[in-house]
PDB file of N, CA and C in Angstrom:
ATOM      1  N   UNK A   1      22.675  35.206 -23.324  1.00  0.00           N
ATOM      2  CA  UNK A   1      24.241  34.483 -23.418  1.00  0.00           C
ATOM      3  C   UNK A   1      24.454  32.860 -23.509  1.00  0.00           C
ATOM      4  N   UNK A   2      24.917  32.336 -23.995  1.00  0.00           N
ATOM      5  CA  UNK A   2      24.413  31.299 -24.374  1.00  0.00           C
ATOM      6  C   UNK A   2      26.453  30.163 -24.106  1.00  0.00           C
ATOM      7  N   UNK A   3      25.646  28.985 -23.499  1.00  0.00           N
ATOM      8  CA  UNK A   3      27.195  28.405 -22.921  1.00  0.00           C
ATOM      9  C   UNK A   3      27.126  26.813 -22.943  1.00  0.00           C
ATOM     10  N   UNK A   4      28.199  26.073 -23.019  1.00  0.00           N
ATOM     11  CA  UNK A   4      28.596  24.694 -22.979  1.00  0.00           C
ATOM     12  C   UNK A   4      28.114  23.923 -21.809  1.00  0.00           C
ATOM     13  N   UNK A   5      27.427  22.747 -21.399  1.00  0.00           N
ATOM     14  CA  UNK A   5      26.592  22.253 -20.166  1.00  0.00           C
ATOM     15  C   UNK A   5      26.676  20.681 -20.359  1.00  0.00           C
ATOM     16  N   UNK A   6      27.794  20.229 -19.197  1.00  0.00           N
ATOM     17  CA  UNK A   6      28.548  18.819 -19.806  1.00  0.00           C
ATOM     18  C   UNK A   6      26.925  17.679 -19.138  1.00  0.00           C
ATOM     19  N   UNK A   7      26.646  17.395 -20.253  1.00  0.00           N
ATOM     20  CA  UNK A   7      25.810  16.288 -19.954  1.00  0.00           C
ATOM     21  C   UNK A   7      26.491  14.895 -19.735  1.00  0.00           C
ATOM     22  N   UNK A   8      26.822  14.551 -19.780  1.00  0.00           N
ATOM     23  CA  UNK A   8      27.573  13.229 -19.392  1.00  0.00           C
ATOM     24  C   UNK A   8      29.107  12.110 -20.546  1.00  0.00           C
ATOM     25  N   UNK A   9      29.340  11.781 -19.952  1.00  0.00           N
ATOM     26  CA  UNK A   9      30.748  11.194 -20.517  1.00  0.00           C
ATOM     27  C   UNK A   9      30.115  10.030 -21.827  1.00  0.00           C
ATOM     28  N   UNK A  10      31.138  10.714 -23.059  1.00  0.00           N
ATOM     29  CA  UNK A  10      30.433   9.541 -24.128  1.00  0.00           C
ATOM     30  C   UNK A  10      30.184   8.263 -24.074  1.00  0.00           C
ATOM     31  N   UNK A  11      31.179   7.938 -23.479  1.00  0.00           N
ATOM     32  CA  UNK A  11      30.949   6.367 -23.688  1.00  0.00           C
ATOM     33  C   UNK A  11      29.223   5.878 -22.492  1.00  0.00           C
ATOM     34  N   UNK A  12      28.281   6.854 -22.185  1.00  0.00           N
ATOM     35  CA  UNK A  12      27.786   6.832 -21.675  1.00  0.00           C
ATOM     36  C   UNK A  12      26.275   6.580 -22.656  1.00  0.00           C
ATOM     37  N   UNK A  13      26.776   7.280 -23.489  1.00  0.00           N
ATOM     38  CA  UNK A  13      25.980   7.433 -25.018  1.00  0.00           C
ATOM     39  C   UNK A  13      26.097   6.100 -25.877  1.00  0.00           C
ATOM     40  N   UNK A  14      25.132   4.918 -26.147  1.00  0.00           N
ATOM     41  CA  UNK A  14      25.419   4.170 -26.745  1.00  0.00           C
ATOM     42  C   UNK A  14      25.449   4.200 -28.242  1.00  0.00           C
ATOM     43  N   UNK A  15      26.381   3.577 -29.281  1.00  0.00           N
ATOM     44  CA  UNK A  15      26.532   3.994 -30.376  1.00  0.00           C
ATOM     45  C   UNK A  15      25.150   3.985 -31.149  1.00  0.00           C
ATOM     46  N   UNK A  16      24.767   4.339 -32.309  1.00  0.00           N
ATOM     47  CA  UNK A  16      23.712   4.315 -33.055  1.00  0.00           C
ATOM     48  C   UNK A  16      22.124   4.462 -31.927  1.00  0.00           C
ATOM     49  N   UNK A  17      22.175   5.473 -31.222  1.00  0.00           N
ATOM     50  CA  UNK A  17      21.089   5.277 -30.078  1.00  0.00           C
ATOM     51  C   UNK A  17      20.908   6.580 -29.819  1.00  0.00           C
ATOM     52  N   UNK A  18      19.854   7.047 -28.683  1.00  0.00           N
ATOM     53  CA  UNK A  18      19.555   8.374 -28.028  1.00  0.00           C
ATOM     54  C   UNK A  18      18.951   8.223 -27.070  1.00  0.00           C
ATOM     55  N   UNK A  19      19.388   9.096 -25.993  1.00  0.00           N
ATOM     56  CA  UNK A  19      19.472   9.588 -24.911  1.00  0.00           C
ATOM     57  C   UNK A  19      18.681  11.087 -24.165  1.00  0.00           C
ATOM     58  N   UNK A  20      18.001  10.987 -23.496  1.00  0.00           N
ATOM     59  CA  UNK A  20      17.481  12.234 -22.640  1.00  0.00           C
ATOM     60  C   UNK A  20      18.549  13.041 -21.867  1.00  0.00           C
ATOM     61  N   UNK A  21      18.372  14.163 -21.749  1.00  0.00           N
ATOM     62  CA  UNK A  21      19.309  15.420 -21.099  1.00  0.00           C
ATOM     63  C   UNK A  21      18.520  16.205 -20.847  1.00  0.00           C
ATOM     64  N   UNK A  22      18.175  16.961 -19.738  1.00  0.00           N
ATOM     65  CA  UNK A  22      17.769  18.175 -19.503  1.00  0.00           C
ATOM     66  C   UNK A  22      18.448  19.426 -19.524  1.00  0.00           C
ATOM     67  N   UNK A  23      18.317  20.446 -20.543  1.00  0.00           N
ATOM     68  CA  UNK A  23      19.630  21.475 -20.672  1.00  0.00           C
ATOM     69  C   UNK A  23      18.507  22.365 -20.608  1.00  0.00           C
ATOM     70  N   UNK A  24      18.807  23.223 -19.451  1.00  0.00           N
ATOM     71  CA  UNK A  24      18.228  24.585 -19.010  1.00  0.00           C
ATOM     72  C   UNK A  24      16.709  24.055 -18.992  1.00  0.00           C
ATOM     73  N   UNK A  25      15.875  22.950 -18.087  1.00  0.00           N
ATOM     74  CA  UNK A  25      14.553  22.918 -17.787  1.00  0.00           C
ATOM     75  C   UNK A  25      14.256  22.595 -19.190  1.00  0.00           C
ATOM     76  N   UNK A  26      14.657  21.935 -20.510  1.00  0.00           N
ATOM     77  CA  UNK A  26      14.275  21.812 -21.519  1.00  0.00           C
ATOM     78  C   UNK A  26      14.517  20.458 -21.689  1.00  0.00           C
ATOM     79  N   UNK A  27      13.735  19.226 -22.056  1.00  0.00           N
ATOM     80  CA  UNK A  27      14.027  18.139 -22.270  1.00  0.00           C
ATOM     81  C   UNK A  27      15.103  17.965 -23.797  1.00  0.00           C
ATOM     82  N   UNK A  28      16.244  17.499 -24.371  1.00  0.00           N
ATOM     83  CA  UNK A  28      16.934  17.537 -25.390  1.00  0.00           C
ATOM     84  C   UNK A  28      17.250  15.954 -25.900  1.00  0.00           C
ATOM     85  N   UNK A  29      16.897  15.643 -26.596  1.00  0.00           N
ATOM     86  CA  UNK A  29      17.301  14.315 -27.383  1.00  0.00           C
ATOM     87  C   UNK A  29      18.920  14.242 -27.761  1.00  0.00           C
ATOM     88  N   UNK A  30      19.786  12.892 -27.358  1.00  0.00           N
ATOM     89  CA  UNK A  30      21.213  13.198 -27.989  1.00  0.00           C
ATOM     90  C   UNK A  30      21.199  12.132 -28.359  1.00  0.00           C
ATOM     91  N   UNK A  31      21.972  12.008 -29.687  1.00  0.00           N
ATOM     92  CA  UNK A  31      22.154  10.743 -30.303  1.00  0.00           C
ATOM     93  C   UNK A  31      23.518  10.280 -30.893  1.00  0.00           C
ATOM     94  N   UNK A  32      24.515   9.796 -30.365  1.00  0.00           N
ATOM     95  CA  UNK A  32      25.930   9.221 -30.831  1.00  0.00           C
ATOM     96  C   UNK A  32      25.114   8.142 -32.767  1.00  0.00           C
ATOM     97  N   UNK A  33      25.827   8.684 -33.537  1.00  0.00           N
ATOM     98  CA  UNK A  33      25.817   8.132 -34.813  1.00  0.00           C
ATOM     99  C   UNK A  33      27.109   7.063 -35.397  1.00  0.00           C
ATOM    100  N   UNK A  34      27.043   5.959 -35.425  1.00  0.00           N
ATOM    101  CA  UNK A  34      28.115   5.840 -35.435  1.00  0.00           C
ATOM    102  C   UNK A  34      29.230   5.489 -33.840  1.00  0.00           C
ATOM    103  N   UNK A  35      30.102   5.365 -34.585  1.00  0.00           N
ATOM    104  CA  UNK A  35      31.690   4.398 -33.119  1.00  0.00           C
ATOM    105  C   UNK A  35      33.233   5.104 -33.791  1.00  0.00           C
ATOM    106  N   UNK A  36      33.590   5.613 -33.310  1.00  0.00           N
ATOM    107  CA  UNK A  36      35.367   6.039 -33.518  1.00  0.00           C
ATOM    108  C   UNK A  36      35.296   7.267 -34.303  1.00  0.00           C
ATOM    109  N   UNK A  37      36.275   6.952 -35.447  1.00  0.00           N
ATOM    110  CA  UNK A  37      36.526   8.786 -35.964  1.00  0.00           C
ATOM    111  C   UNK A  37      35.382   8.942 -36.766  1.00  0.00           C
ATOM    112  N   UNK A  38      34.621   7.876 -37.076  1.00  0.00           N
ATOM    113  CA  UNK A  38      33.818   8.723 -37.805  1.00  0.00           C
ATOM    114  C   UNK A  38      32.143   8.466 -37.213  1.00  0.00           C
ATOM    115  N   UNK A  39      32.206   8.825 -35.612  1.00  0.00           N
ATOM    116  CA  UNK A  39      30.544   9.024 -35.193  1.00  0.00           C
ATOM    117  C   UNK A  39      30.390  10.347 -35.210  1.00  0.00           C
ATOM    118  N   UNK A  40      29.482  10.683 -34.816  1.00  0.00           N
ATOM    119  CA  UNK A  40      28.674  11.873 -35.349  1.00  0.00           C
ATOM    120  C   UNK A  40      27.617  12.302 -34.114  1.00  0.00           C
ATOM    121  N   UNK A  41      28.095  13.477 -33.202  1.00  0.00           N
ATOM    122  CA  UNK A  41      26.665  13.272 -32.120  1.00  0.00           C
ATOM    123  C   UNK A  41      25.869  14.466 -32.543  1.00  0.00           C
ATOM    124  N   UNK A  42      24.413  14.113 -32.537  1.00  0.00           N
ATOM    125  CA  UNK A  42      23.278  14.911 -32.726  1.00  0.00           C
ATOM    126  C   UNK A  42      22.344  15.511 -31.282  1.00  0.00           C
ATOM    127  N   UNK A  43      21.965  16.587 -31.216  1.00  0.00           N
ATOM    128  CA  UNK A  43      21.347  17.506 -30.466  1.00  0.00           C
ATOM    129  C   UNK A  43      19.992  18.087 -30.810  1.00  0.00           C
ATOM    130  N   UNK A  44      18.358  16.894 -30.429  1.00  0.00           N
ATOM    131  CA  UNK A  44      17.783  18.255 -30.717  1.00  0.00           C
ATOM    132  C   UNK A  44      16.501  17.844 -29.572  1.00  0.00           C
ATOM    133  N   UNK A  45      15.428  18.824 -30.026  1.00  0.00           N
ATOM    134  CA  UNK A  45      14.323  18.684 -29.231  1.00  0.00           C
ATOM    135  C   UNK A  45      14.019  17.132 -28.997  1.00  0.00           C
ATOM    136  N   UNK A  46      13.822  16.978 -27.645  1.00  0.00           N
ATOM    137  CA  UNK A  46      13.140  15.678 -27.865  1.00  0.00           C
ATOM    138  C   UNK A  46      11.992  15.471 -27.605  1.00  0.00           C
ATOM    139  N   UNK A  47      10.590  17.021 -27.856  1.00  0.00           N
ATOM    140  CA  UNK A  47       9.198  16.635 -27.859  1.00  0.00           C
ATOM    141  C   UNK A  47       8.837  16.639 -29.148  1.00  0.00           C
ATOM    142  N   UNK A  48       8.261  15.891 -28.941  1.00  0.00           N
ATOM    143  CA  UNK A  48       7.348  15.446 -30.664  1.00  0.00           C
ATOM    144  C   UNK A  48       6.421  16.093 -31.193  1.00  0.00           C
ATOM    145  N   UNK A  49       6.650  16.861 -32.009  1.00  0.00           N
ATOM    146  CA  UNK A  49       5.272  17.942 -32.066  1.00  0.00           C
ATOM    147  C   UNK A  49       4.162  17.161 -32.179  1.00  0.00           C
ATOM    148  N   UNK A  50       3.928  15.967 -32.983  1.00  0.00           N
ATOM    149  CA  UNK A  50       3.065  15.616 -33.329  1.00  0.00           C
ATOM    150  C   UNK A  50       2.261  14.736 -32.903  1.00  0.00           C
ATOM    151  N   UNK A  51       2.643  13.966 -31.656  1.00  0.00           N
ATOM    152  CA  UNK A  51       2.408  13.305 -30.197  1.00  0.00           C
ATOM    153  C   UNK A  51       1.944  14.412 -29.268  1.00  0.00           C
ATOM    154  N   UNK A  52       3.036  15.191 -29.204  1.00  0.00           N
ATOM    155  CA  UNK A  52       2.587  16.444 -27.969  1.00  0.00           C
ATOM    156  C   UNK A  52       3.441  15.650 -26.635  1.00  0.00           C
ATOM    157  N   UNK A  53       4.547  14.560 -26.918  1.00  0.00           N
ATOM    158  CA  UNK A  53       5.151  14.195 -25.776  1.00  0.00           C
ATOM    159  C   UNK A  53       6.607  14.014 -26.344  1.00  0.00           C
ATOM    160  N   UNK A  54       7.357  14.228 -25.205  1.00  0.00           N
ATOM    161  CA  UNK A  54       8.798  14.054 -25.144  1.00  0.00           C
ATOM    162  C   UNK A  54       9.552  12.536 -25.287  1.00  0.00           C
ATOM    163  N   UNK A  55       9.389  11.866 -26.183  1.00  0.00           N
ATOM    164  CA  UNK A  55       9.410  10.826 -26.574  1.00  0.00           C
ATOM    165  C   UNK A  55      10.808  10.769 -27.492  1.00  0.00           C
ATOM    166  N   UNK A  56      11.006  11.520 -28.359  1.00  0.00           N
ATOM    167  CA  UNK A  56      12.215  11.158 -29.495  1.00  0.00           C
ATOM    168  C   UNK A  56      13.259  10.582 -29.113  1.00  0.00           C
ATOM    169  N   UNK A  57      14.031  10.772 -28.145  1.00  0.00           N
ATOM    170  CA  UNK A  57      15.289  10.258 -28.033  1.00  0.00           C
ATOM    171  C   UNK A  57      15.245   8.374 -27.779  1.00  0.00           C
ATOM    172  N   UNK A  58      14.047   7.889 -27.455  1.00  0.00           N
ATOM    173  CA  UNK A  58      13.992   6.817 -27.789  1.00  0.00           C
ATOM    174  C   UNK A  58      13.101   6.335 -29.184  1.00  0.00           C
ATOM    175  N   UNK A  59      13.268   7.161 -30.489  1.00  0.00           N
ATOM    176  CA  UNK A  59      13.078   6.424 -31.734  1.00  0.00           C
ATOM    177  C   UNK A  59      14.446   5.582 -32.285  1.00  0.00           C
ATOM    178  N   UNK A  60      13.574   5.391 -33.535  1.00  0.00           N
ATOM    179  CA  UNK A  60      15.006   4.798 -34.110  1.00  0.00           C
ATOM    180  C   UNK A  60      15.376   5.915 -35.029  1.00  0.00           C
ATOM    181  N   UNK A  61      17.119   4.988 -34.909  1.00  0.00           N
ATOM    182  CA  UNK A  61      17.932   6.115 -35.914  1.00  0.00           C
ATOM    183  C   UNK A  61      18.049   5.192 -36.862  1.00  0.00           C
ATOM    184  N   UNK A  62      18.416   6.246 -38.371  1.00  0.00           N
ATOM    185  CA  UNK A  62      18.246   5.529 -39.336  1.00  0.00           C
ATOM    186  C   UNK A  62      18.980   6.057 -40.690  1.00  0.00           C
ATOM    187  N   UNK A  63      19.037   5.852 -42.260  1.00  0.00           N
ATOM    188  CA  UNK A  63      19.166   6.874 -43.135  1.00  0.00           C
ATOM    189  C   UNK A  63      18.162   6.256 -43.842  1.00  0.00           C
ATOM    190  N   UNK A  64      17.584   7.493 -44.337  1.00  0.00           N
ATOM    191  CA  UNK A  64      16.181   8.310 -45.192  1.00  0.00           C
ATOM    192  C   UNK A  64      16.334   9.377 -46.382  1.00  0.00           C
ATOM    193  N   UNK A  65      16.177   8.826 -47.596  1.00  0.00           N
ATOM    194  CA  UNK A  65      16.530   9.985 -48.594  1.00  0.00           C
ATOM    195  C   UNK A  65      18.168  10.281 -48.322  1.00  0.00           C
ATOM    196  N   UNK A  66      19.015   9.706 -47.965  1.00  0.00           N
ATOM    197  CA  UNK A  66      20.212   9.968 -47.578  1.00  0.00           C
ATOM    198  C   UNK A  66      20.684  10.928 -46.795  1.00  0.00           C
ATOM    199  N   UNK A  67      19.629  11.330 -45.944  1.00  0.00           N
ATOM    200  CA  UNK A  67      19.891  11.721 -44.542  1.00  0.00           C
ATOM    201  C   UNK A  67      19.764  11.103 -43.282  1.00  0.00           C
ATOM    202  N   UNK A  68      20.247  11.476 -41.897  1.00  0.00           N
ATOM    203  CA  UNK A  68      20.262  10.483 -41.294  1.00  0.00           C
ATOM    204  C   UNK A  68      19.451  10.903 -40.270  1.00  0.00           C
ATOM    205  N   UNK A  69      18.137  10.015 -39.555  1.00  0.00           N
ATOM    206  CA  UNK A  69      17.060  11.232 -39.423  1.00  0.00           C
ATOM    207  C   UNK A  69      16.593  10.122 -38.276  1.00  0.00           C
ATOM    208  N   UNK A  70      15.395  10.869 -36.715  1.00  0.00           N
ATOM    209  CA  UNK A  70      15.180   9.395 -35.664  1.00  0.00           C
ATOM    210  C   UNK A  70      13.321   9.735 -36.153  1.00  0.00           C
ATOM    211  N   UNK A  71      12.932   8.026 -35.817  1.00  0.00           N
ATOM    212  CA  UNK A  71      11.289   7.815 -36.244  1.00  0.00           C
ATOM    213  C   UNK A  71      10.760   8.295 -35.247  1.00  0.00           C
ATOM    214  N   UNK A  72      10.104   8.950 -34.632  1.00  0.00           N
ATOM    215  CA  UNK A  72       9.295   9.180 -33.446  1.00  0.00           C
ATOM    216  C   UNK A  72       8.753   7.885 -33.091  1.00  0.00           C
ATOM    217  N   UNK A  73       8.481   7.866 -31.673  1.00  0.00           N
ATOM    218  CA  UNK A  73       7.982   6.401 -31.733  1.00  0.00           C
ATOM    219  C   UNK A  73       6.732   6.261 -31.600  1.00  0.00           C
ATOM    220  N   UNK A  74       5.987   7.342 -31.528  1.00  0.00           N
ATOM    221  CA  UNK A  74       4.790   6.826 -31.652  1.00  0.00           C
ATOM    222  C   UNK A  74       3.907   6.983 -32.818  1.00  0.00           C
ATOM    223  N   UNK A  75       3.970   8.454 -33.528  1.00  0.00           N
ATOM    224  CA  UNK A  75       3.355   7.809 -34.848  1.00  0.00           C
ATOM    225  C   UNK A  75       4.297   7.867 -36.216  1.00  0.00           C
ATOM    226  N   UNK A  76       5.310   7.614 -36.080  1.00  0.00           N
ATOM    227  CA  UNK A  76       6.677   7.604 -37.005  1.00  0.00           C
ATOM    228  C   UNK A  76       7.055   8.516 -37.738  1.00  0.00           C
ATOM    229  N   UNK A  77       6.956   9.451 -37.742  1.00  0.00           N
ATOM    230  CA  UNK A  77       6.983  10.704 -38.551  1.00  0.00           C
ATOM    231  C   UNK A  77       9.043  11.099 -38.054  1.00  0.00           C
ATOM    232  N   UNK A  78       9.681  11.083 -39.282  1.00  0.00           N
ATOM    233  CA  UNK A  78      11.193  11.376 -39.534  1.00  0.00           C
ATOM    234  C   UNK A  78      11.834  12.760 -39.344  1.00  0.00           C
ATOM    235  N   UNK A  79      12.324  12.976 -38.566  1.00  0.00           N
ATOM    236  CA  UNK A  79      13.173  13.831 -38.038  1.00  0.00           C
ATOM    237  C   UNK A  79      14.602  14.163 -38.534  1.00  0.00           C
ATOM    238  N   UNK A  80      14.791  14.643 -39.378  1.00  0.00           N
ATOM    239  CA  UNK A  80      16.384  15.043 -39.836  1.00  0.00           C
ATOM    240  C   UNK A  80      17.499  15.485 -38.832  1.00  0.00           C
ATOM    241  N   UNK A  81      18.360  14.699 -37.987  1.00  0.00           N
ATOM    242  CA  UNK A  81      19.104  15.430 -36.895  1.00  0.00           C
ATOM    243  C   UNK A  81      20.084  16.264 -37.062  1.00  0.00           C
ATOM    244  N   UNK A  82      20.443  16.524 -38.323  1.00  0.00           N
ATOM    245  CA  UNK A  82      20.930  17.674 -38.420  1.00  0.00           C
ATOM    246  C   UNK A  82      20.637  19.197 -38.566  1.00  0.00           C
ATOM    247  N   UNK A  83      19.042  19.483 -38.903  1.00  0.00           N
ATOM    248  CA  UNK A  83      18.531  19.922 -39.191  1.00  0.00           C
ATOM    249  C   UNK A  83      17.166  20.515 -38.481  1.00  0.00           C
ATOM    250  N   UNK A  84      16.493  19.249 -37.670  1.00  0.00           N
ATOM    251  CA  UNK A  84      15.587  19.075 -37.015  1.00  0.00           C
ATOM    252  C   UNK A  84      13.789  18.793 -38.032  1.00  0.00           C
ATOM    253  N   UNK A  85      14.067  19.186 -39.537  1.00  0.00           N
ATOM    254  CA  UNK A  85      13.585  19.048 -40.653  1.00  0.00           C
ATOM    255  C   UNK A  85      12.499  17.723 -40.751  1.00  0.00           C
ATOM    256  N   UNK A  86      11.022  17.370 -40.748  1.00  0.00           N
ATOM    257  CA  UNK A  86      10.722  16.448 -40.880  1.00  0.00           C
ATOM    258  C   UNK A  86      10.004  16.537 -42.019  1.00  0.00           C
ATOM    259  N   UNK A  87      10.498  15.049 -42.263  1.00  0.00           N
ATOM    260  CA  UNK A  87      10.622  14.502 -43.790  1.00  0.00           C
ATOM    261  C   UNK A  87       9.069  14.251 -44.310  1.00  0.00           C
ATOM    262  N   UNK A  88       8.090  14.255 -43.508  1.00  0.00           N
ATOM    263  CA  UNK A  88       7.020  13.692 -43.909  1.00  0.00           C
ATOM    264  C   UNK A  88       6.087  15.134 -44.198  1.00  0.00           C
ATOM    265  N   UNK A  89       6.571  16.439 -43.624  1.00  0.00           N
ATOM    266  CA  UNK A  89       5.572  17.432 -43.389  1.00  0.00           C
ATOM    267  C   UNK A  89       6.690  18.704 -43.065  1.00  0.00           C
ATOM    268  N   UNK A  90       7.000  19.713 -44.568  1.00  0.00           N
ATOM    269  CA  UNK A  90       7.547  19.896 -44.774  1.00  0.00           C
ATOM    270  C   UNK A  90       7.091  21.414 -43.686  1.00  0.00           C
ATOM    271  N   UNK A  91       6.085  21.653 -42.791  1.00  0.00           N
ATOM    272  CA  UNK A  91       6.208  22.620 -42.351  1.00  0.00           C
ATOM    273  C   UNK A  91       6.594  22.589 -40.895  1.00  0.00           C
ATOM    274  N   UNK A  92       6.856  21.478 -40.620  1.00  0.00           N
ATOM    275  CA  UNK A  92       7.074  21.147 -39.151  1.00  0.00           C
ATOM    276  C   UNK A  92       9.057  20.991 -38.973  1.00  0.00           C
ATOM    277  N   UNK A  93       9.466  21.497 -37.891  1.00  0.00           N
ATOM    278  CA  UNK A  93      10.604  21.182 -37.809  1.00  0.00           C
ATOM    279  C   UNK A  93      11.459  21.488 -36.146  1.00  0.00           C
ATOM    280  N   UNK A  94      11.360  20.856 -35.926  1.00  0.00           N
ATOM    281  CA  UNK A  94      12.035  20.191 -34.517  1.00  0.00           C
ATOM    282  C   UNK A  94      13.572  21.432 -33.909  1.00  0.00           C
ATOM    283  N   UNK A  95      13.648  21.901 -32.684  1.00  0.00           N
ATOM    284  CA  UNK A  95      14.951  22.572 -32.183  1.00  0.00           C
ATOM    285  C   UNK A  95      15.950  21.376 -32.834  1.00  0.00           C
ATOM    286  N   UNK A  96      17.303  21.999 -33.008  1.00  0.00           N
ATOM    287  CA  UNK A  96      18.252  21.675 -33.186  1.00  0.00           C
ATOM    288  C   UNK A  96      19.621  22.370 -32.036  1.00  0.00           C
ATOM    289  N   UNK A  97      20.642  21.860 -31.605  1.00  0.00           N
ATOM    290  CA  UNK A  97      21.442  22.372 -30.435  1.00  0.00           C
ATOM    291  C   UNK A  97      23.207  21.815 -31.221  1.00  0.00           C
ATOM    292  N   UNK A  98      24.106  22.665 -31.010  1.00  0.00           N
ATOM    293  CA  UNK A  98      25.526  22.750 -30.884  1.00  0.00           C
ATOM    294  C   UNK A  98      26.010  21.580 -29.585  1.00  0.00           C
ATOM    295  N   UNK A  99      26.422  20.831 -30.450  1.00  0.00           N
ATOM    296  CA  UNK A  99      27.369  19.814 -29.576  1.00  0.00           C
ATOM    297  C   UNK A  99      28.648  19.228 -29.527  1.00  0.00           C
ATOM    298  N   UNK A 100      29.044  18.903 -28.632  1.00  0.00           N
ATOM    299  CA  UNK A 100      30.787  18.240 -29.171  1.00  0.00           C
ATOM    300  C   UNK A 100      30.657  17.845 -27.685  1.00  0.00           C
ATOM    301  N   UNK A 101      31.752  17.054 -28.194  1.00  0.00           N
ATOM    302  CA  UNK A 101      32.900  16.065 -27.226  1.00  0.00           C
ATOM    303  C   UNK A 101      34.125  17.244 -26.257  1.00  0.00           C
ATOM    304  N   UNK A 102      34.173  17.225 -25.255  1.00  0.00           N
ATOM    305  CA  UNK A 102      35.334  17.951 -24.889  1.00  0.00           C
ATOM    306  C   UNK A 102      36.251  16.917 -23.563  1.00  0.00           C
ATOM    307  N   UNK A 103      37.456  16.577 -23.427  1.00  0.00           N
ATOM    308  CA  UNK A 103      37.958  15.872 -22.040  1.00  0.00           C
ATOM    309  C   UNK A 103      36.987  14.627 -21.323  1.00  0.00           C
ATOM    310  N   UNK A 104      36.002  14.035 -22.927  1.00  0.00           N
ATOM    311  CA  UNK A 104      35.599  12.834 -22.809  1.00  0.00           C
ATOM    312  C   UNK A 104      34.254  13.073 -22.298  1.00  0.00           C
ATOM    313  N   UNK A 105      33.853  14.406 -21.814  1.00  0.00           N
ATOM    314  CA  UNK A 105      32.057  14.840 -22.189  1.00  0.00           C
ATOM    315  C   UNK A 105      31.695  15.272 -22.952  1.00  0.00           C
ATOM    316  N   UNK A 106      30.121  14.709 -22.992  1.00  0.00           N
ATOM    317  CA  UNK A 106      29.466  15.080 -24.261  1.00  0.00           C
ATOM    318  C   UNK A 106      29.076  16.967 -23.951  1.00  0.00           C
ATOM    319  N   UNK A 107      28.653  17.891 -24.287  1.00  0.00           N
ATOM    320  CA  UNK A 107      28.296  19.110 -23.675  1.00  0.00           C
ATOM    321  C   UNK A 107      27.290  19.573 -25.252  1.00  0.00           C
ATOM    322  N   UNK A 108      26.484  20.137 -24.492  1.00  0.00           N
ATOM    323  CA  UNK A 108      25.734  20.941 -25.483  1.00  0.00           C
ATOM    324  C   UNK A 108      25.486  22.189 -25.305  1.00  0.00           C
ATOM    325  N   UNK A 109      25.286  23.252 -25.846  1.00  0.00           N
ATOM    326  CA  UNK A 109      24.925  24.545 -25.679  1.00  0.00           C
ATOM    327  C   UNK A 109      23.832  25.012 -26.087  1.00  0.00           C
ATOM    328  N   UNK A 110      23.395  25.421 -24.980  1.00  0.00           N
ATOM    329  CA  UNK A 110      21.922  26.198 -24.335  1.00  0.00           C
ATOM    330  C   UNK A 110      22.131  27.850 -24.803  1.00  0.00           C
TER     331      UNK A 110
END
């Protein structure tokens, strides 16, 4: 059975950057893209399958091929934040999680 887990206050996640949270003993990278009414939140695995390290929350975010992505800070592969697909290797995909804001708190579904 899945449930929503409170992570932090929304204002603790800086716009256009990521942070890491522990969700059921698993590291999850939380990204806040934009600010105000147009902002979007994403939650993906923090584990980079290429470097085998929990580093994706420290990656750079941007737009590549019309998709919002995070670039791994180690080997620079790009992962689409909406679906976890690696843009350089179609056989690699990281996990994604439902995310929402309720009463000013960021919540991730486990």
